[in-house]
Protein backbone atom coordinates (compact mmCIF):
# COMPACT_ATOMS: atom_id res chain seq x y z
CA GLN A 1 75.68 111.44 -4.44
CA VAL A 2 78.71 113.48 -3.41
CA GLN A 3 79.47 117.03 -4.43
CA LEU A 4 83.08 118.18 -4.47
CA VAL A 5 84.34 121.75 -4.66
CA GLU A 6 88.04 122.54 -5.00
CA SER A 7 89.66 125.81 -3.99
CA GLY A 8 93.09 127.27 -3.35
CA GLY A 9 94.52 127.36 -6.84
CA GLY A 10 96.28 130.37 -8.24
CA LEU A 11 99.40 131.81 -9.80
CA VAL A 12 102.67 131.20 -7.98
CA GLN A 13 106.36 131.27 -8.81
CA ALA A 14 108.60 128.25 -9.13
CA GLY A 15 109.65 127.06 -5.69
CA ASP A 16 106.57 128.45 -3.95
CA SER A 17 104.00 126.49 -1.98
CA LEU A 18 100.26 126.21 -2.35
CA ARG A 19 97.54 124.36 -0.44
CA LEU A 20 94.51 123.08 -2.26
CA SER A 21 91.28 122.24 -0.49
CA CYS A 22 88.36 120.08 -1.55
CA ALA A 23 85.10 120.36 0.35
CA ALA A 24 82.69 117.45 0.11
CA SER A 25 78.98 117.34 0.78
CA GLY A 26 76.14 114.92 0.41
CA ARG A 27 77.26 111.69 2.07
CA THR A 28 79.35 110.41 4.98
CA PHE A 29 82.83 111.66 4.17
CA SER A 30 84.65 108.74 5.76
CA ASP A 31 82.91 106.35 3.35
CA TYR A 32 85.18 107.66 0.61
CA ALA A 33 88.80 107.43 -0.29
CA MET A 34 89.86 110.77 -1.76
CA GLY A 35 92.29 111.49 -4.55
CA TRP A 36 93.92 114.42 -6.31
CA PHE A 37 94.61 114.38 -10.03
CA ARG A 38 95.86 117.00 -12.45
CA GLN A 39 95.60 117.69 -16.14
CA ALA A 40 97.98 119.93 -18.02
CA PRO A 41 97.08 121.44 -21.41
CA GLY A 42 97.32 118.83 -24.13
CA LYS A 43 98.03 116.02 -21.69
CA GLU A 44 96.04 113.26 -20.08
CA ARG A 45 94.82 113.55 -16.52
CA GLU A 46 97.31 112.01 -14.10
CA PHE A 47 97.30 110.78 -10.53
CA VAL A 48 98.91 112.97 -7.87
CA ALA A 49 97.96 111.62 -4.44
CA ALA A 50 95.27 109.67 -2.59
CA ILE A 51 94.20 109.00 0.98
CA SER A 52 92.07 106.25 2.47
CA GLY A 53 88.72 106.85 4.09
CA GLY A 54 90.24 106.33 7.50
CA GLY A 55 93.17 108.59 6.68
CA GLY A 56 95.77 106.00 7.59
CA ILE A 57 96.93 105.13 4.08
CA THR A 58 98.33 107.60 1.58
CA LYS A 59 99.72 107.14 -1.90
CA TYR A 60 101.70 109.53 -4.09
CA ALA A 61 102.87 109.75 -7.64
CA ASP A 62 106.65 109.52 -7.83
CA SER A 63 106.77 113.16 -8.93
CA ALA A 64 104.92 114.23 -5.77
CA LYS A 65 106.77 112.20 -3.16
CA GLY A 66 108.66 114.33 -0.68
CA ARG A 67 107.07 117.60 -1.83
CA PHE A 68 103.30 117.08 -1.65
CA THR A 69 101.22 115.99 1.33
CA ILE A 70 97.62 114.83 1.21
CA SER A 71 95.52 114.98 4.36
CA ARG A 72 91.89 114.97 5.37
CA GLU A 73 89.84 116.59 8.09
CA ASP A 74 86.64 114.61 8.45
CA ALA A 75 85.09 117.11 10.88
CA LYS A 76 85.13 119.60 8.01
CA ASN A 77 84.50 117.09 5.20
CA THR A 78 87.62 118.42 3.54
CA VAL A 79 90.69 116.95 1.91
CA TYR A 80 93.85 118.99 1.38
CA LEU A 81 96.85 118.86 -0.88
CA GLN A 82 99.88 120.75 0.39
CA MET A 83 102.26 121.37 -2.48
CA ASN A 84 105.80 122.60 -1.86
CA SER A 85 108.64 123.49 -4.22
CA LEU A 86 106.30 123.79 -7.16
CA LYS A 87 107.69 123.52 -10.69
CA PRO A 88 106.49 125.19 -13.90
CA GLU A 89 105.72 121.79 -15.42
CA GLU A 90 103.17 121.27 -12.66
CA THR A 91 100.92 123.93 -14.14
CA ALA A 92 97.58 122.20 -14.56
CA VAL A 93 93.98 122.01 -13.49
CA TYR A 94 93.88 120.06 -10.25
CA TYR A 95 90.87 117.88 -9.51
CA CYS A 96 89.76 116.08 -6.40
CA ALA A 97 87.77 112.88 -6.61
CA ALA A 98 85.95 110.46 -4.31
CA ALA A 99 85.82 106.67 -4.44
CA THR A 100 83.58 104.51 -2.27
CA ARG A 101 85.89 102.44 -0.08
CA SER A 102 85.93 101.01 3.43
CA PRO A 103 88.07 103.17 5.74
CA TRP A 104 90.87 100.60 5.86
CA GLN A 105 91.02 99.89 2.13
CA GLN A 106 93.82 101.12 -0.11
CA PRO A 107 92.88 104.32 -1.93
CA PRO A 108 92.89 103.86 -5.71
CA ARG A 109 95.42 105.36 -8.09
CA TYR A 110 93.38 105.03 -11.25
CA GLN A 111 90.93 107.73 -12.22
CA PHE A 112 88.37 105.21 -13.45
CA ASP A 113 88.00 103.89 -9.89
CA TYR A 114 86.69 107.27 -8.74
CA GLU A 115 82.98 107.93 -8.93
CA TYR A 116 82.72 111.63 -8.14
CA TRP A 117 84.75 114.57 -9.37
CA GLY A 118 85.03 118.26 -8.66
CA GLN A 119 85.19 120.98 -11.29
CA GLY A 120 88.89 121.58 -10.78
CA THR A 121 91.06 124.49 -9.72
CA GLN A 122 93.77 126.05 -11.87
CA VAL A 123 97.34 126.07 -10.62
CA THR A 124 99.84 128.08 -12.64
CA VAL A 125 103.53 128.00 -11.76
CA SER A 126 105.65 130.65 -13.44
CA SER A 127 109.37 130.24 -14.01
């Protein structure tokens, strides 16, 4: 069992930056690929970014490429999502998730491949 707790959300203006954190506990952190997803009001949850257990492979949604960076710090059992140049349409609840994977395996893009989820953190981007 893995417990995930997100933090770092808040209210920012368009063009601002924000860094989300997700602290994991319960199992060996490197046994898990980690992903970030988001869900806006009235919309389905969508993939944002993912990182392999070893940290060497990252994936991004097209909307996030060039502006968002996912990283992990295994010594702190924490995964981060650095978000720059935020847009109002990116207002959503942001969730982190964990998927059991070998460190060299590709991290999944699909939410159904993730076994554990955090409660989410609200990000609001005002125009």
